Structures are given as structure tokens and as C-alpha cells.
N, C-alpha and C. Protein backbone atom coordinates (compact mmCIF):
# COMPACT_ATOMS: atom_id res chain seq x y z
N MET A 1 87.69 167.83 43.81
CA MET A 1 86.59 168.75 43.61
C MET A 1 85.35 167.97 43.17
N SER A 2 84.19 168.37 43.67
CA SER A 2 82.97 167.65 43.33
C SER A 2 82.38 168.19 42.02
N MET A 3 81.65 167.31 41.33
CA MET A 3 80.95 167.68 40.11
C MET A 3 79.49 167.94 40.49
N ILE A 4 78.97 169.13 40.14
CA ILE A 4 77.63 169.55 40.53
C ILE A 4 76.69 169.49 39.33
N THR A 5 75.48 168.95 39.56
CA THR A 5 74.40 168.99 38.58
C THR A 5 73.18 169.58 39.29
N HIS A 6 72.51 170.52 38.65
CA HIS A 6 71.33 171.18 39.22
C HIS A 6 70.07 170.57 38.63
N HIS A 7 69.07 170.31 39.49
CA HIS A 7 67.77 169.79 39.07
C HIS A 7 66.69 170.71 39.62
N PHE A 8 65.82 171.20 38.75
CA PHE A 8 64.76 172.13 39.15
C PHE A 8 63.39 171.59 38.80
N SER A 9 62.42 171.82 39.68
CA SER A 9 61.02 171.50 39.44
C SER A 9 60.21 172.64 40.04
N ASP A 10 58.89 172.56 39.98
CA ASP A 10 58.06 173.63 40.53
C ASP A 10 58.25 173.72 42.04
N GLY A 11 58.90 174.79 42.50
CA GLY A 11 59.09 175.02 43.92
C GLY A 11 60.10 174.11 44.60
N LEU A 12 60.87 173.36 43.82
CA LEU A 12 61.78 172.39 44.40
C LEU A 12 63.10 172.36 43.64
N TYR A 13 64.19 172.25 44.39
CA TYR A 13 65.53 172.23 43.80
C TYR A 13 66.33 171.10 44.43
N ALA A 14 67.07 170.38 43.61
CA ALA A 14 67.99 169.34 44.09
C ALA A 14 69.36 169.62 43.52
N LYS A 15 70.34 169.76 44.40
CA LYS A 15 71.73 169.89 43.98
C LYS A 15 72.38 168.52 44.11
N GLN A 16 72.83 167.98 42.99
CA GLN A 16 73.49 166.68 42.96
C GLN A 16 74.99 166.91 42.93
N ALA A 17 75.70 166.29 43.85
CA ALA A 17 77.16 166.41 43.90
C ALA A 17 77.78 165.02 43.86
N VAL A 18 78.66 164.81 42.88
CA VAL A 18 79.48 163.61 42.84
C VAL A 18 80.78 164.00 43.54
N ILE A 19 81.02 163.42 44.71
CA ILE A 19 82.11 163.86 45.59
C ILE A 19 83.17 162.76 45.68
N PRO A 20 84.40 163.06 45.28
CA PRO A 20 85.48 162.08 45.40
C PRO A 20 85.85 161.82 46.86
N ALA A 21 86.29 160.62 47.16
CA ALA A 21 86.74 160.26 48.51
C ALA A 21 87.75 161.28 49.01
N GLY A 22 87.62 161.67 50.28
CA GLY A 22 88.53 162.61 50.91
C GLY A 22 88.14 164.07 50.76
N THR A 23 87.14 164.37 49.93
CA THR A 23 86.70 165.74 49.69
C THR A 23 85.67 166.16 50.73
N ALA A 24 85.79 167.38 51.22
CA ALA A 24 84.83 167.92 52.19
C ALA A 24 84.01 169.03 51.56
N ILE A 25 82.73 169.05 51.90
CA ILE A 25 81.83 170.14 51.52
C ILE A 25 81.80 171.07 52.74
N LEU A 26 82.08 172.33 52.52
CA LEU A 26 82.23 173.27 53.63
C LEU A 26 80.99 173.36 54.51
N LYS A 27 81.24 173.61 55.78
CA LYS A 27 80.15 173.79 56.73
C LYS A 27 79.39 175.06 56.39
N HIS A 28 78.06 175.00 56.54
CA HIS A 28 77.20 176.15 56.29
C HIS A 28 75.89 175.93 57.04
N THR A 29 75.03 176.94 57.04
CA THR A 29 73.72 176.84 57.69
C THR A 29 72.65 177.38 56.74
N HIS A 30 71.40 177.01 57.04
CA HIS A 30 70.24 177.52 56.33
C HIS A 30 69.23 177.98 57.37
N ASP A 31 68.33 178.88 56.98
CA ASP A 31 67.28 179.36 57.87
C ASP A 31 66.07 178.42 57.88
N PHE A 32 66.17 177.29 57.24
CA PHE A 32 65.06 176.35 57.08
C PHE A 32 65.61 174.93 57.13
N SER A 33 64.75 174.00 57.47
CA SER A 33 65.13 172.58 57.44
C SER A 33 65.10 172.09 56.00
N HIS A 34 65.89 171.06 55.71
CA HIS A 34 65.87 170.46 54.38
C HIS A 34 66.33 169.01 54.47
N LEU A 35 66.18 168.29 53.38
CA LEU A 35 66.61 166.91 53.30
C LEU A 35 67.87 166.81 52.46
N SER A 36 68.72 165.88 52.82
CA SER A 36 69.87 165.49 52.00
C SER A 36 69.78 163.99 51.78
N ILE A 37 70.13 163.57 50.58
CA ILE A 37 70.07 162.16 50.23
C ILE A 37 71.46 161.70 49.80
N LEU A 38 71.96 160.70 50.48
CA LEU A 38 73.19 160.04 50.07
C LEU A 38 72.75 158.87 49.19
N ALA A 39 72.89 159.04 47.87
CA ALA A 39 72.44 158.02 46.93
C ALA A 39 73.39 156.83 46.90
N ALA A 40 74.68 157.11 47.02
CA ALA A 40 75.69 156.04 46.97
C ALA A 40 76.94 156.51 47.70
N GLY A 41 77.63 155.56 48.34
CA GLY A 41 78.89 155.87 48.99
C GLY A 41 78.77 155.94 50.50
N LYS A 42 79.84 156.44 51.13
CA LYS A 42 79.93 156.54 52.59
C LYS A 42 80.52 157.90 52.93
N VAL A 43 79.87 158.61 53.87
CA VAL A 43 80.29 159.97 54.24
C VAL A 43 80.28 160.14 55.76
N ALA A 44 80.99 161.15 56.21
CA ALA A 44 80.87 161.64 57.58
C ALA A 44 80.05 162.93 57.50
N VAL A 45 78.88 162.92 58.14
CA VAL A 45 78.00 164.08 58.14
C VAL A 45 78.22 164.83 59.44
N MET A 46 78.59 166.12 59.32
CA MET A 46 78.78 166.96 60.49
C MET A 46 77.52 167.80 60.68
N LYS A 47 76.86 167.61 61.83
CA LYS A 47 75.67 168.39 62.17
C LYS A 47 75.92 168.99 63.55
N GLY A 48 76.17 170.29 63.58
CA GLY A 48 76.52 170.93 64.84
C GLY A 48 77.83 170.36 65.35
N ASP A 49 77.84 169.85 66.59
CA ASP A 49 79.03 169.27 67.19
C ASP A 49 79.10 167.76 66.98
N GLU A 50 78.12 167.18 66.29
CA GLU A 50 78.07 165.74 66.09
C GLU A 50 78.57 165.34 64.71
N ILE A 51 79.22 164.19 64.64
CA ILE A 51 79.64 163.61 63.37
C ILE A 51 79.06 162.20 63.30
N GLU A 52 78.34 161.94 62.21
CA GLU A 52 77.71 160.64 62.01
C GLU A 52 78.21 160.05 60.69
N VAL A 53 78.67 158.81 60.72
CA VAL A 53 79.07 158.12 59.49
C VAL A 53 77.82 157.47 58.91
N VAL A 54 77.57 157.77 57.62
CA VAL A 54 76.37 157.28 56.96
C VAL A 54 76.78 156.59 55.67
N GLU A 55 76.14 155.43 55.39
CA GLU A 55 76.38 154.72 54.15
C GLU A 55 75.09 154.71 53.34
N GLY A 56 75.21 155.04 52.05
CA GLY A 56 74.05 155.16 51.18
C GLY A 56 73.54 153.82 50.70
N PRO A 57 72.27 153.78 50.35
CA PRO A 57 71.37 154.92 50.24
C PRO A 57 70.81 155.32 51.62
N ALA A 58 70.67 156.64 51.81
CA ALA A 58 70.15 157.16 53.08
C ALA A 58 69.57 158.55 52.86
N CYS A 59 68.58 158.89 53.68
CA CYS A 59 67.98 160.22 53.66
C CYS A 59 68.19 160.84 55.03
N ILE A 60 68.71 162.07 55.05
CA ILE A 60 69.10 162.73 56.29
C ILE A 60 68.38 164.07 56.39
N GLU A 61 67.75 164.34 57.53
CA GLU A 61 67.14 165.65 57.75
C GLU A 61 68.17 166.58 58.36
N ILE A 62 68.27 167.78 57.81
CA ILE A 62 69.13 168.83 58.35
C ILE A 62 68.20 169.91 58.90
N LYS A 63 68.24 170.13 60.20
CA LYS A 63 67.35 171.10 60.85
C LYS A 63 67.78 172.54 60.55
N ALA A 64 66.82 173.44 60.57
CA ALA A 64 67.08 174.86 60.36
C ALA A 64 68.08 175.38 61.38
N GLY A 65 69.00 176.23 60.94
CA GLY A 65 69.96 176.87 61.83
C GLY A 65 71.11 175.99 62.26
N LEU A 66 71.15 174.73 61.84
CA LEU A 66 72.19 173.81 62.26
C LEU A 66 73.37 173.87 61.28
N THR A 67 74.55 174.18 61.78
CA THR A 67 75.74 174.18 60.93
C THR A 67 76.03 172.74 60.53
N HIS A 68 76.23 172.52 59.21
CA HIS A 68 76.42 171.16 58.73
C HIS A 68 77.39 171.13 57.55
N GLY A 69 77.94 169.96 57.32
CA GLY A 69 78.86 169.74 56.21
C GLY A 69 79.05 168.25 56.01
N VAL A 70 79.76 167.88 54.95
CA VAL A 70 79.94 166.48 54.59
C VAL A 70 81.38 166.24 54.17
N LYS A 71 81.94 165.10 54.59
CA LYS A 71 83.24 164.66 54.09
C LYS A 71 83.07 163.26 53.52
N ALA A 72 83.45 163.09 52.26
CA ALA A 72 83.32 161.80 51.59
C ALA A 72 84.39 160.84 52.09
N ILE A 73 83.97 159.69 52.59
CA ILE A 73 84.89 158.64 53.00
C ILE A 73 85.24 157.79 51.77
N THR A 74 84.22 157.52 50.95
CA THR A 74 84.40 156.86 49.66
C THR A 74 83.87 157.82 48.60
N ASP A 75 84.10 157.55 47.33
CA ASP A 75 83.42 158.32 46.29
C ASP A 75 81.93 158.21 46.56
N CYS A 76 81.21 159.32 46.40
CA CYS A 76 79.79 159.28 46.72
C CYS A 76 78.97 160.19 45.81
N VAL A 77 77.66 159.98 45.87
CA VAL A 77 76.69 160.84 45.19
C VAL A 77 75.75 161.37 46.26
N TRP A 78 75.71 162.70 46.39
CA TRP A 78 74.98 163.39 47.47
C TRP A 78 74.02 164.39 46.85
N PHE A 79 72.80 164.42 47.34
CA PHE A 79 71.80 165.39 46.90
C PHE A 79 71.36 166.25 48.07
N CYS A 80 71.27 167.56 47.88
CA CYS A 80 70.63 168.47 48.83
C CYS A 80 69.31 168.89 48.20
N ILE A 81 68.22 168.74 48.95
CA ILE A 81 66.88 169.02 48.45
C ILE A 81 66.34 170.26 49.18
N HIS A 82 65.93 171.26 48.41
CA HIS A 82 65.46 172.52 48.99
C HIS A 82 64.16 172.97 48.33
N ALA A 83 63.28 173.57 49.12
CA ALA A 83 62.10 174.23 48.59
C ALA A 83 62.51 175.65 48.18
N THR A 84 62.41 175.97 46.89
CA THR A 84 62.72 177.30 46.41
C THR A 84 62.11 177.47 45.02
N ASP A 85 61.81 178.70 44.69
CA ASP A 85 61.34 179.00 43.34
C ASP A 85 62.48 179.45 42.43
N GLU A 86 63.69 179.62 42.99
CA GLU A 86 64.85 180.03 42.18
C GLU A 86 65.22 178.91 41.21
N LYS A 87 65.41 179.27 39.94
CA LYS A 87 65.76 178.27 38.93
C LYS A 87 67.02 178.63 38.17
N ASP A 88 67.76 179.60 38.66
CA ASP A 88 69.01 180.02 38.02
C ASP A 88 70.18 179.41 38.80
N PRO A 89 70.94 178.47 38.18
CA PRO A 89 72.05 177.84 38.89
C PRO A 89 73.09 178.84 39.42
N SER A 90 73.24 179.99 38.78
CA SER A 90 74.22 180.97 39.25
C SER A 90 73.73 181.76 40.47
N LYS A 91 72.45 181.66 40.80
CA LYS A 91 71.88 182.41 41.93
C LYS A 91 71.40 181.54 43.07
N VAL A 92 71.21 180.24 42.83
CA VAL A 92 70.54 179.40 43.82
C VAL A 92 71.30 179.31 45.14
N ASP A 93 72.63 179.25 45.12
CA ASP A 93 73.38 179.21 46.38
C ASP A 93 73.22 180.51 47.16
N ASP A 94 73.17 181.65 46.46
CA ASP A 94 72.96 182.93 47.13
C ASP A 94 71.63 182.94 47.85
N VAL A 95 70.60 182.38 47.23
CA VAL A 95 69.27 182.34 47.81
C VAL A 95 69.22 181.40 49.01
N LEU A 96 69.85 180.23 48.89
CA LEU A 96 69.74 179.20 49.92
C LEU A 96 70.73 179.33 51.06
N ILE A 97 71.93 179.76 50.74
CA ILE A 97 72.99 179.83 51.76
C ILE A 97 73.29 181.27 52.14
N GLY A 98 73.07 182.19 51.22
CA GLY A 98 73.38 183.58 51.48
C GLY A 98 74.86 183.88 51.36
N VAL A 99 75.53 183.21 50.39
CA VAL A 99 76.96 183.44 50.16
C VAL A 99 77.20 184.78 49.53
């Protein structure tokens, strides 16, 4: 299971996930494009039907409407960066993903 830390600024949110090797972050989509940053480690990034192996540090653009997910190949630190005014950690996923 990954360890999540939330970072908030004016109009900007970063979800930091420390992901153990072998752990997958479920596929999901957003109605907007956003950036993800692999600060450390190696992951398989699933974007639509494509899988790309990425080694950090790296910055990845995720296009709007594209189903995406991540599987950690090694222990890693992953950030999802989103434009939002939501600052409540218990609500931010509902706003961004619509869970």
C-alpha cells in the first residue's frame, strides 16, 4: 500500500505517493490534462493502450480523458499535480477523479 501526503497551494494540489515495488495505482481518468512527476524509482506508466517504463526523475504529461495508471517496478516516489481550489484531503479525490 502506498503512503500518501497532500500538498496544497493557491489553485494547485500535489498528491505525493511513496509506492512500494510491485504496487499498482488503479487506472482512472480526468476531464483535464495534468502533470505527474516521478521523483525517484522506476515505474510502468499505463496511458490508454500504451505502457511506458520510466525511471526518475521524470515529468510526464497525462492528457485529458486518457485512462492511466502506474505500477511501481522499484520503490518509488510519485507526484500527481492538479489545478484545483479544493484543499480538503478527504474531498480532493472526489473533485479530481469523481470517485
